[in-house]
Amino acid sequence: MPFKHKSISYGLPQDPFDNEKLKEYCEDLQCALNLKRKPVGVKFYFTEEDYNNCEKDEPSGPLSYCCIVEKATRGKSFKARLQHLNCDGGTTALGLEDSTPRIESGMEYFSYNLYSTPAVARRVREGVMGLYRTGASTYGIEVASLEDFIVAPDIIIFIVNPYEAMRIQQGYVYHTGERITATLAAMQGICAEITVEPYLTGKMNISTLCPSTRFLAKWEDDEMAIGIPYEQFESTVKGIIATINTTDLKYRKEEIVTRFGNKNKDAGFIIIDKY
């Protein structure tokens, strides 16, 4: 670590978190895409003090992490620790507890009859990102609808259909110009692929989810997930808005204009063609 002296100021202070601005971008996103589910924010807490300062309620009984995310897409908010979560795939991925030799060897994955050999199962496991591998334990997490956050979350999760996924990708690429290289294996779709992957890489990831989360959280067959770091949310929404004229057909533009109008927002930038 670099030398740090208590009497010296380093850099500039971070901008204060602006919940009202966040709500505006959430509203713009909803006007543009009419998402069925709310975007979800996820915050990692690494100390007991920070976790206790979070005023969200803890679950009344054990839930899987992906079920908590599903509830957050419907407007519910929670904070949770290890004892509140009942899926070790999620708890290890989120760094709430260590993994085990049985899991890391691939034998646990192999026992599900999802892979042809133990070696294949181990290779799959080695590709699953987990915070337990970083050496920094997570004390607890906060999971809530993005618009309800009063501190900056770390990750934003979208549960979307393929068309909405395309639009979010276009918004993301609008400013970066980068190819989106998704990494997924239909295993630990919400906890590893959509939460930990973008948290550690700083890049968007896409998941078609996994059998466990589809069973536990009861996602619809046409639903999939996208995860992005929080710091990319504003530019992604701006990119989605900027690409409406090129991407959306006439009937979609008319619906978008109506939604903006219902929120007393200017939609004069949208050009409605004749076809």
C-alpha atoms as a PDB file:
ATOM      1  CA  MET A   1       0.000   0.000   0.000  1.00  0.00           C
ATOM      2  CA  PRO A   2       1.190   3.581  -0.635  1.00  0.00           C
ATOM      3  CA  PHE A   3       2.196   5.739   2.323  1.00  0.00           C
ATOM      4  CA  LYS A   4      -0.719   7.674   3.816  1.00  0.00           C
ATOM      5  CA  HIS A   5      -0.371  10.400   6.447  1.00  0.00           C
ATOM      6  CA  LYS A   6      -3.292  11.477   8.631  1.00  0.00           C
ATOM      7  CA  SER A   7      -2.459  15.180   8.189  1.00  0.00           C
ATOM      8  CA  ILE A   8      -2.404  15.122   4.381  1.00  0.00           C
ATOM      9  CA  SER A   9      -5.423  15.286   2.085  1.00  0.00           C
ATOM     10  CA  TYR A  10      -5.423  12.879  -0.837  1.00  0.00           C
ATOM     11  CA  GLY A  11      -7.317  13.574  -4.038  1.00  0.00           C
ATOM     12  CA  LEU A  12     -10.775  15.068  -4.133  1.00  0.00           C
ATOM     13  CA  PRO A  13     -13.753  13.911  -2.053  1.00  0.00           C
ATOM     14  CA  GLN A  14     -16.290  11.718  -3.767  1.00  0.00           C
ATOM     15  CA  ASP A  15     -19.453  13.359  -5.025  1.00  0.00           C
ATOM     16  CA  PRO A  16     -22.274  12.990  -2.480  1.00  0.00           C
ATOM     17  CA  PHE A  17     -24.858  10.359  -3.366  1.00  0.00           C
ATOM     18  CA  ASP A  18     -27.916  11.964  -4.976  1.00  0.00           C
ATOM     19  CA  ASN A  19     -31.010   9.797  -4.536  1.00  0.00           C
ATOM     20  CA  GLU A  20     -33.226  12.266  -6.398  1.00  0.00           C
ATOM     21  CA  LYS A  21     -30.964  12.150  -9.432  1.00  0.00           C
ATOM     22  CA  LEU A  22     -30.974   8.354  -9.244  1.00  0.00           C
ATOM     23  CA  LYS A  23     -34.764   8.324  -9.186  1.00  0.00           C
ATOM     24  CA  GLU A  24     -34.838  10.557 -12.262  1.00  0.00           C
ATOM     25  CA  TYR A  25     -32.673   8.113 -14.199  1.00  0.00           C
ATOM     26  CA  CYS A  26     -34.795   5.185 -13.001  1.00  0.00           C
ATOM     27  CA  GLU A  27     -37.852   7.052 -14.242  1.00  0.00           C
ATOM     28  CA  ASP A  28     -36.242   7.806 -17.612  1.00  0.00           C
ATOM     29  CA  LEU A  29     -35.301   4.145 -17.960  1.00  0.00           C
ATOM     30  CA  GLN A  30     -38.856   3.071 -17.230  1.00  0.00           C
ATOM     31  CA  CYS A  31     -40.243   5.562 -19.741  1.00  0.00           C
ATOM     32  CA  ALA A  32     -37.889   4.222 -22.402  1.00  0.00           C
ATOM     33  CA  LEU A  33     -38.250   0.492 -21.781  1.00  0.00           C
ATOM     34  CA  ASN A  34     -41.409  -0.035 -19.693  1.00  0.00           C
ATOM     35  CA  LEU A  35     -39.709  -2.766 -17.685  1.00  0.00           C
ATOM     36  CA  LYS A  36     -41.980  -5.252 -15.937  1.00  0.00           C
ATOM     37  CA  ARG A  37     -39.562  -5.514 -13.018  1.00  0.00           C
ATOM     38  CA  LYS A  38     -37.738  -2.757 -11.152  1.00  0.00           C
ATOM     39  CA  PRO A  39     -33.938  -2.535 -11.484  1.00  0.00           C
ATOM     40  CA  VAL A  40     -32.273  -3.859  -8.341  1.00  0.00           C
ATOM     41  CA  GLY A  41     -29.285  -2.468  -6.492  1.00  0.00           C
ATOM     42  CA  VAL A  42     -26.874  -4.589  -4.456  1.00  0.00           C
ATOM     43  CA  LYS A  43     -24.516  -3.198  -1.822  1.00  0.00           C
ATOM     44  CA  PHE A  44     -21.719  -5.120  -0.080  1.00  0.00           C
ATOM     45  CA  TYR A  45     -20.926  -4.315   3.544  1.00  0.00           C
ATOM     46  CA  PHE A  46     -17.587  -5.397   4.946  1.00  0.00           C
ATOM     47  CA  THR A  47     -17.932  -4.205   8.543  1.00  0.00           C
ATOM     48  CA  GLU A  48     -20.558  -4.732  11.222  1.00  0.00           C
ATOM     49  CA  GLU A  49     -20.866  -0.987  11.746  1.00  0.00           C
ATOM     50  CA  ASP A  50     -21.677  -0.238   8.108  1.00  0.00           C
ATOM     51  CA  TYR A  51     -24.151  -3.114   7.987  1.00  0.00           C
ATOM     52  CA  ASN A  52     -25.903  -1.945  11.152  1.00  0.00           C
ATOM     53  CA  ASN A  53     -26.174   1.565   9.729  1.00  0.00           C
ATOM     54  CA  CYS A  54     -28.273   0.168   6.891  1.00  0.00           C
ATOM     55  CA  GLU A  55     -31.901   0.658   7.909  1.00  0.00           C
ATOM     56  CA  LYS A  56     -33.391  -2.082   5.759  1.00  0.00           C
ATOM     57  CA  ASP A  57     -35.126  -5.019   7.474  1.00  0.00           C
ATOM     58  CA  GLU A  58     -33.643  -8.501   7.597  1.00  0.00           C
ATOM     59  CA  PRO A  59     -35.669 -11.421   6.209  1.00  0.00           C
ATOM     60  CA  SER A  60     -37.940 -13.116   8.720  1.00  0.00           C
ATOM     61  CA  GLY A  61     -36.740 -16.522   7.556  1.00  0.00           C
ATOM     62  CA  PRO A  62     -33.968 -18.037   5.425  1.00  0.00           C
ATOM     63  CA  LEU A  63     -34.100 -17.267   1.711  1.00  0.00           C
ATOM     64  CA  SER A  64     -31.825 -17.805  -1.233  1.00  0.00           C
ATOM     65  CA  TYR A  65     -30.027 -14.705  -2.468  1.00  0.00           C
ATOM     66  CA  CYS A  66     -31.788 -14.928  -5.824  1.00  0.00           C
ATOM     67  CA  CYS A  67     -35.183 -14.986  -4.084  1.00  0.00           C
ATOM     68  CA  ILE A  68     -34.235 -11.772  -2.273  1.00  0.00           C
ATOM     69  CA  VAL A  69     -33.306 -10.255  -5.640  1.00  0.00           C
ATOM     70  CA  GLU A  70     -36.645 -11.372  -7.085  1.00  0.00           C
ATOM     71  CA  LYS A  71     -38.501  -9.695  -4.220  1.00  0.00           C
ATOM     72  CA  ALA A  72     -36.503  -6.514  -4.805  1.00  0.00           C
ATOM     73  CA  THR A  73     -37.689  -6.450  -8.434  1.00  0.00           C
ATOM     74  CA  ARG A  74     -41.182  -6.089  -6.937  1.00  0.00           C
ATOM     75  CA  GLY A  75     -40.256  -3.221  -4.623  1.00  0.00           C
ATOM     76  CA  LYS A  76     -39.191  -5.029  -1.453  1.00  0.00           C
ATOM     77  CA  SER A  77     -35.939  -4.233   0.369  1.00  0.00           C
ATOM     78  CA  PHE A  78     -33.699  -6.307   2.645  1.00  0.00           C
ATOM     79  CA  LYS A  79     -30.330  -6.491   4.274  1.00  0.00           C
ATOM     80  CA  ALA A  80     -28.960  -9.948   4.993  1.00  0.00           C
ATOM     81  CA  ARG A  81     -26.093 -11.849   6.539  1.00  0.00           C
ATOM     82  CA  LEU A  82     -25.005 -15.460   6.265  1.00  0.00           C
ATOM     83  CA  GLN A  83     -27.683 -16.731   8.656  1.00  0.00           C
ATOM     84  CA  HIS A  84     -30.429 -15.255   6.476  1.00  0.00           C
ATOM     85  CA  LEU A  85     -29.395 -17.113   3.312  1.00  0.00           C
ATOM     86  CA  ASN A  86     -29.949 -20.814   2.676  1.00  0.00           C
ATOM     87  CA  CYS A  87     -28.062 -21.439  -0.584  1.00  0.00           C
ATOM     88  CA  ASP A  88     -24.319 -22.058  -0.280  1.00  0.00           C
ATOM     89  CA  GLY A  89     -23.836 -21.177  -3.943  1.00  0.00           C
ATOM     90  CA  GLY A  90     -24.917 -17.654  -3.124  1.00  0.00           C
ATOM     91  CA  THR A  91     -23.195 -17.367   0.235  1.00  0.00           C
ATOM     92  CA  THR A  92     -19.808 -18.425  -1.126  1.00  0.00           C
ATOM     93  CA  ALA A  93     -20.140 -16.324  -4.277  1.00  0.00           C
ATOM     94  CA  LEU A  94     -20.945 -13.256  -2.176  1.00  0.00           C
ATOM     95  CA  GLY A  95     -18.062 -13.918   0.207  1.00  0.00           C
ATOM     96  CA  LEU A  96     -20.271 -14.494   3.250  1.00  0.00           C
ATOM     97  CA  GLU A  97     -18.573 -17.843   3.925  1.00  0.00           C
ATOM     98  CA  ASP A  98     -15.714 -19.934   2.585  1.00  0.00           C
ATOM     99  CA  SER A  99     -16.143 -22.695   0.066  1.00  0.00           C
ATOM    100  CA  THR A 100     -15.374 -26.358   0.808  1.00  0.00           C
ATOM    101  CA  PRO A 101     -13.060 -28.951  -0.778  1.00  0.00           C
ATOM    102  CA  ARG A 102     -16.103 -30.862  -2.027  1.00  0.00           C
ATOM    103  CA  ILE A 103     -17.391 -27.809  -3.860  1.00  0.00           C
ATOM    104  CA  GLU A 104     -14.008 -26.756  -5.254  1.00  0.00           C
ATOM    105  CA  SER A 105     -13.161 -30.278  -6.433  1.00  0.00           C
ATOM    106  CA  GLY A 106     -16.267 -30.250  -8.605  1.00  0.00           C
ATOM    107  CA  MET A 107     -17.804 -33.198  -6.786  1.00  0.00           C
ATOM    108  CA  GLU A 108     -20.757 -31.171  -5.530  1.00  0.00           C
ATOM    109  CA  TYR A 109     -21.523 -29.920  -9.027  1.00  0.00           C
ATOM    110  CA  PHE A 110     -21.034 -33.438 -10.422  1.00  0.00           C
ATOM    111  CA  SER A 111     -23.565 -34.813  -7.941  1.00  0.00           C
ATOM    112  CA  TYR A 112     -26.304 -32.782  -9.677  1.00  0.00           C
ATOM    113  CA  ASN A 113     -25.920 -34.910 -12.844  1.00  0.00           C
ATOM    114  CA  LEU A 114     -25.351 -31.748 -14.888  1.00  0.00           C
ATOM    115  CA  TYR A 115     -21.870 -32.660 -16.180  1.00  0.00           C
ATOM    116  CA  SER A 116     -20.445 -35.708 -17.879  1.00  0.00           C
ATOM    117  CA  THR A 117     -17.409 -36.188 -15.616  1.00  0.00           C
ATOM    118  CA  PRO A 118     -16.029 -34.844 -12.334  1.00  0.00           C
ATOM    119  CA  ALA A 119     -13.295 -33.089 -14.326  1.00  0.00           C
ATOM    120  CA  VAL A 120     -15.877 -31.218 -16.413  1.00  0.00           C
ATOM    121  CA  ALA A 121     -17.699 -30.248 -13.230  1.00  0.00           C
ATOM    122  CA  ARG A 122     -14.466 -28.948 -11.722  1.00  0.00           C
ATOM    123  CA  ARG A 123     -13.714 -26.840 -14.790  1.00  0.00           C
ATOM    124  CA  VAL A 124     -17.174 -25.325 -14.572  1.00  0.00           C
ATOM    125  CA  ARG A 125     -16.652 -24.556 -10.886  1.00  0.00           C
ATOM    126  CA  GLU A 126     -13.288 -22.923 -11.503  1.00  0.00           C
ATOM    127  CA  GLY A 127     -14.944 -20.535 -13.944  1.00  0.00           C
ATOM    128  CA  VAL A 128     -17.558 -19.391 -11.432  1.00  0.00           C
ATOM    129  CA  MET A 129     -16.468 -16.112  -9.843  1.00  0.00           C
ATOM    130  CA  GLY A 130     -16.727 -15.871  -6.084  1.00  0.00           C
ATOM    131  CA  LEU A 131     -15.730 -13.229  -3.555  1.00  0.00           C
ATOM    132  CA  TYR A 132     -14.604 -15.968  -1.168  1.00  0.00           C
ATOM    133  CA  ARG A 133     -11.503 -16.261  -3.362  1.00  0.00           C
ATOM    134  CA  THR A 134     -10.432 -12.657  -2.751  1.00  0.00           C
ATOM    135  CA  GLY A 135      -9.541 -13.061   0.932  1.00  0.00           C
ATOM    136  CA  ALA A 136     -11.863 -10.234   2.025  1.00  0.00           C
ATOM    137  CA  SER A 137     -14.955 -11.523   3.824  1.00  0.00           C
ATOM    138  CA  THR A 138     -18.333  -9.896   3.292  1.00  0.00           C
ATOM    139  CA  TYR A 139     -20.176  -9.053   6.507  1.00  0.00           C
ATOM    140  CA  GLY A 140     -23.575  -8.518   4.887  1.00  0.00           C
ATOM    141  CA  ILE A 141     -25.440  -7.272   1.842  1.00  0.00           C
ATOM    142  CA  GLU A 142     -28.234  -4.850   1.018  1.00  0.00           C
ATOM    143  CA  VAL A 143     -30.627  -5.729  -1.806  1.00  0.00           C
ATOM    144  CA  ALA A 144     -33.363  -3.303  -2.809  1.00  0.00           C
ATOM    145  CA  SER A 145     -35.095  -1.659  -5.722  1.00  0.00           C
ATOM    146  CA  LEU A 146     -32.522   0.721  -7.139  1.00  0.00           C
ATOM    147  CA  GLU A 147     -34.690   3.794  -6.611  1.00  0.00           C
ATOM    148  CA  ASP A 148     -34.859   3.074  -2.861  1.00  0.00           C
ATOM    149  CA  PHE A 149     -31.111   3.304  -2.221  1.00  0.00           C
ATOM    150  CA  ILE A 150     -29.890   6.154  -0.023  1.00  0.00           C
ATOM    151  CA  VAL A 151     -26.228   5.161  -0.458  1.00  0.00           C
ATOM    152  CA  ALA A 152     -24.511   4.204  -3.689  1.00  0.00           C
ATOM    153  CA  PRO A 153     -24.990   0.510  -4.475  1.00  0.00           C
ATOM    154  CA  ASP A 154     -22.210  -1.551  -6.000  1.00  0.00           C
ATOM    155  CA  ILE A 155     -24.106  -3.491  -8.660  1.00  0.00           C
ATOM    156  CA  ILE A 156     -27.321  -3.038 -10.595  1.00  0.00           C
ATOM    157  CA  ILE A 157     -29.316  -6.042 -11.768  1.00  0.00           C
ATOM    158  CA  PHE A 158     -31.920  -5.958 -14.539  1.00  0.00           C
ATOM    159  CA  ILE A 159     -34.350  -8.824 -15.076  1.00  0.00           C
ATOM    160  CA  VAL A 160     -35.492  -8.420 -18.657  1.00  0.00           C
ATOM    161  CA  ASN A 161     -36.718 -10.084 -21.812  1.00  0.00           C
ATOM    162  CA  PRO A 162     -34.395 -10.397 -24.840  1.00  0.00           C
ATOM    163  CA  TYR A 163     -35.591  -7.164 -26.475  1.00  0.00           C
ATOM    164  CA  GLU A 164     -35.003  -5.175 -23.282  1.00  0.00           C
ATOM    165  CA  ALA A 165     -31.627  -6.856 -22.906  1.00  0.00           C
ATOM    166  CA  MET A 166     -30.704  -5.688 -26.404  1.00  0.00           C
ATOM    167  CA  ARG A 167     -31.688  -2.111 -25.592  1.00  0.00           C
ATOM    168  CA  ILE A 168     -29.686  -2.080 -22.368  1.00  0.00           C
ATOM    169  CA  GLN A 169     -26.674  -3.439 -24.249  1.00  0.00           C
ATOM    170  CA  GLN A 170     -27.069  -0.714 -26.868  1.00  0.00           C
ATOM    171  CA  GLY A 171     -27.187   1.905 -24.137  1.00  0.00           C
ATOM    172  CA  TYR A 172     -24.060   0.491 -22.554  1.00  0.00           C
ATOM    173  CA  VAL A 173     -22.105   0.293 -25.812  1.00  0.00           C
ATOM    174  CA  TYR A 174     -23.223   3.767 -26.927  1.00  0.00           C
ATOM    175  CA  HIS A 175     -20.515   5.389 -24.787  1.00  0.00           C
ATOM    176  CA  THR A 176     -17.917   2.627 -24.542  1.00  0.00           C
ATOM    177  CA  GLY A 177     -17.822   1.169 -28.047  1.00  0.00           C
ATOM    178  CA  GLU A 178     -16.640  -2.091 -26.532  1.00  0.00           C
ATOM    179  CA  ARG A 179     -17.738  -5.574 -27.411  1.00  0.00           C
ATOM    180  CA  ILE A 180     -19.676  -7.197 -24.586  1.00  0.00           C
ATOM    181  CA  THR A 181     -17.982 -10.448 -23.725  1.00  0.00           C
ATOM    182  CA  ALA A 182     -20.458 -12.350 -21.586  1.00  0.00           C
ATOM    183  CA  THR A 183     -19.267 -15.203 -19.398  1.00  0.00           C
ATOM    184  CA  LEU A 184     -21.916 -17.682 -18.353  1.00  0.00           C
ATOM    185  CA  ALA A 185     -22.520 -21.381 -17.933  1.00  0.00           C
ATOM    186  CA  ALA A 186     -26.135 -21.514 -16.710  1.00  0.00           C
ATOM    187  CA  MET A 187     -24.751 -22.022 -13.197  1.00  0.00           C
ATOM    188  CA  GLN A 188     -25.207 -19.589 -10.293  1.00  0.00           C
ATOM    189  CA  GLY A 189     -26.875 -17.144 -12.636  1.00  0.00           C
ATOM    190  CA  ILE A 190     -27.842 -14.405 -10.183  1.00  0.00           C
ATOM    191  CA  CYS A 191     -25.198 -14.651  -7.472  1.00  0.00           C
ATOM    192  CA  ALA A 192     -22.063 -15.281  -9.534  1.00  0.00           C
ATOM    193  CA  GLU A 193     -22.785 -14.372 -13.147  1.00  0.00           C
ATOM    194  CA  ILE A 194     -24.787 -11.193 -12.579  1.00  0.00           C
ATOM    195  CA  THR A 195     -23.581  -9.932  -9.203  1.00  0.00           C
ATOM    196  CA  VAL A 196     -19.973 -10.969  -8.612  1.00  0.00           C
ATOM    197  CA  GLU A 197     -18.798 -10.993 -12.231  1.00  0.00           C
ATOM    198  CA  PRO A 198     -19.546  -7.296 -12.935  1.00  0.00           C
ATOM    199  CA  TYR A 199     -18.445  -6.372  -9.400  1.00  0.00           C
ATOM    200  CA  LEU A 200     -14.961  -7.815  -9.926  1.00  0.00           C
ATOM    201  CA  THR A 201     -14.480  -7.057 -13.628  1.00  0.00           C
ATOM    202  CA  GLY A 202     -16.157  -3.641 -13.812  1.00  0.00           C
ATOM    203  CA  LYS A 203     -18.003  -4.750 -16.958  1.00  0.00           C
ATOM    204  CA  MET A 204     -21.513  -5.733 -17.954  1.00  0.00           C
ATOM    205  CA  ASN A 205     -22.360  -9.398 -17.803  1.00  0.00           C
ATOM    206  CA  ILE A 206     -25.355 -11.255 -19.168  1.00  0.00           C
ATOM    207  CA  SER A 207     -26.967 -14.433 -17.876  1.00  0.00           C
ATOM    208  CA  THR A 208     -29.712 -16.709 -19.119  1.00  0.00           C
ATOM    209  CA  LEU A 209     -30.026 -17.670 -15.441  1.00  0.00           C
ATOM    210  CA  CYS A 210     -29.684 -21.188 -14.072  1.00  0.00           C
ATOM    211  CA  PRO A 211     -32.016 -24.064 -13.149  1.00  0.00           C
ATOM    212  CA  SER A 212     -31.778 -23.344  -9.418  1.00  0.00           C
ATOM    213  CA  THR A 213     -32.787 -19.695  -9.599  1.00  0.00           C
ATOM    214  CA  ARG A 214     -35.545 -20.448 -12.101  1.00  0.00           C
ATOM    215  CA  PHE A 215     -36.939 -22.998  -9.637  1.00  0.00           C
ATOM    216  CA  LEU A 216     -36.452 -20.959  -6.457  1.00  0.00           C
ATOM    217  CA  ALA A 217     -37.314 -17.462  -7.687  1.00  0.00           C
ATOM    218  CA  LYS A 218     -39.845 -18.610 -10.290  1.00  0.00           C
ATOM    219  CA  TRP A 219     -38.605 -16.387 -13.113  1.00  0.00           C
ATOM    220  CA  GLU A 220     -40.629 -16.454 -16.320  1.00  0.00           C
ATOM    221  CA  ASP A 221     -39.304 -18.529 -19.217  1.00  0.00           C
ATOM    222  CA  ASP A 222     -38.541 -15.422 -21.301  1.00  0.00           C
ATOM    223  CA  GLU A 223     -36.680 -13.621 -18.511  1.00  0.00           C
ATOM    224  CA  MET A 224     -32.919 -13.227 -18.389  1.00  0.00           C
ATOM    225  CA  ALA A 225     -30.563 -11.008 -16.413  1.00  0.00           C
ATOM    226  CA  ILE A 226     -27.995  -8.264 -16.921  1.00  0.00           C
ATOM    227  CA  GLY A 227     -25.618  -6.936 -14.293  1.00  0.00           C
ATOM    228  CA  ILE A 228     -23.575  -3.731 -14.471  1.00  0.00           C
ATOM    229  CA  PRO A 229     -21.457  -1.782 -12.004  1.00  0.00           C
ATOM    230  CA  TYR A 230     -23.397   1.098 -10.481  1.00  0.00           C
ATOM    231  CA  GLU A 231     -21.010   3.702 -11.867  1.00  0.00           C
ATOM    232  CA  GLN A 232     -22.103   2.760 -15.403  1.00  0.00           C
ATOM    233  CA  PHE A 233     -25.832   3.196 -14.781  1.00  0.00           C
ATOM    234  CA  GLU A 234     -26.143   6.874 -15.719  1.00  0.00           C
ATOM    235  CA  SER A 235     -24.255   6.544 -18.999  1.00  0.00           C
ATOM    236  CA  THR A 236     -26.198   3.384 -19.886  1.00  0.00           C
ATOM    237  CA  VAL A 237     -29.551   5.112 -19.409  1.00  0.00           C
ATOM    238  CA  LYS A 238     -28.332   8.085 -21.458  1.00  0.00           C
ATOM    239  CA  GLY A 239     -27.266   5.652 -24.175  1.00  0.00           C
ATOM    240  CA  ILE A 240     -30.663   3.955 -24.176  1.00  0.00           C
ATOM    241  CA  ILE A 241     -32.372   7.324 -24.589  1.00  0.00           C
ATOM    242  CA  ALA A 242     -29.941   8.375 -27.317  1.00  0.00           C
ATOM    243  CA  THR A 243     -30.648   5.278 -29.431  1.00  0.00           C
ATOM    244  CA  ILE A 244     -34.464   5.369 -29.339  1.00  0.00           C
ATOM    245  CA  ASN A 245     -34.818   7.045 -32.734  1.00  0.00           C
ATOM    246  CA  THR A 246     -32.582   4.531 -34.476  1.00  0.00           C
ATOM    247  CA  THR A 247     -33.814   1.397 -32.733  1.00  0.00           C
ATOM    248  CA  ASP A 248     -37.499   1.577 -31.927  1.00  0.00           C
ATOM    249  CA  LEU A 249     -40.361   1.159 -34.389  1.00  0.00           C
ATOM    250  CA  LYS A 250     -43.172   3.699 -34.737  1.00  0.00           C
ATOM    251  CA  TYR A 251     -45.560   2.039 -32.291  1.00  0.00           C
ATOM    252  CA  ARG A 252     -42.841   1.732 -29.650  1.00  0.00           C
ATOM    253  CA  LYS A 253     -41.883   5.391 -30.062  1.00  0.00           C
ATOM    254  CA  GLU A 254     -45.503   6.426 -29.631  1.00  0.00           C
ATOM    255  CA  GLU A 255     -45.714   4.411 -26.430  1.00  0.00           C
ATOM    256  CA  ILE A 256     -42.440   5.916 -25.175  1.00  0.00           C
ATOM    257  CA  VAL A 257     -43.657   9.459 -25.898  1.00  0.00           C
ATOM    258  CA  THR A 258     -46.850   8.732 -23.960  1.00  0.00           C
ATOM    259  CA  ARG A 259     -44.919   7.425 -20.957  1.00  0.00           C
ATOM    260  CA  PHE A 260     -42.640  10.475 -20.930  1.00  0.00           C
ATOM    261  CA  GLY A 261     -45.709  12.707 -21.193  1.00  0.00           C
ATOM    262  CA  ASN A 262     -47.381  10.949 -18.266  1.00  0.00           C
ATOM    263  CA  LYS A 263     -44.335  11.905 -16.186  1.00  0.00           C
ATOM    264  CA  ASN A 264     -44.373  15.490 -17.486  1.00  0.00           C
ATOM    265  CA  LYS A 265     -41.066  14.889 -19.213  1.00  0.00           C
ATOM    266  CA  ASP A 266     -40.062  16.322 -22.582  1.00  0.00           C
ATOM    267  CA  ALA A 267     -40.000  13.739 -25.366  1.00  0.00           C
ATOM    268  CA  GLY A 268     -39.528  16.202 -28.212  1.00  0.00           C
ATOM    269  CA  PHE A 269     -36.266  14.533 -29.150  1.00  0.00           C
ATOM    270  CA  ILE A 270     -38.137  11.438 -30.338  1.00  0.00           C
ATOM    271  CA  ILE A 271     -38.835  11.431 -34.091  1.00  0.00           C
ATOM    272  CA  ILE A 272     -41.872   9.385 -35.034  1.00  0.00           C
ATOM    273  CA  ASP A 273     -41.541   8.168 -38.602  1.00  0.00           C
ATOM    274  CA  LYS A 274     -44.423   7.279 -40.914  1.00  0.00           C
ATOM    275  CA  TYR A 275     -43.798   3.546 -40.794  1.00  0.00           C
END
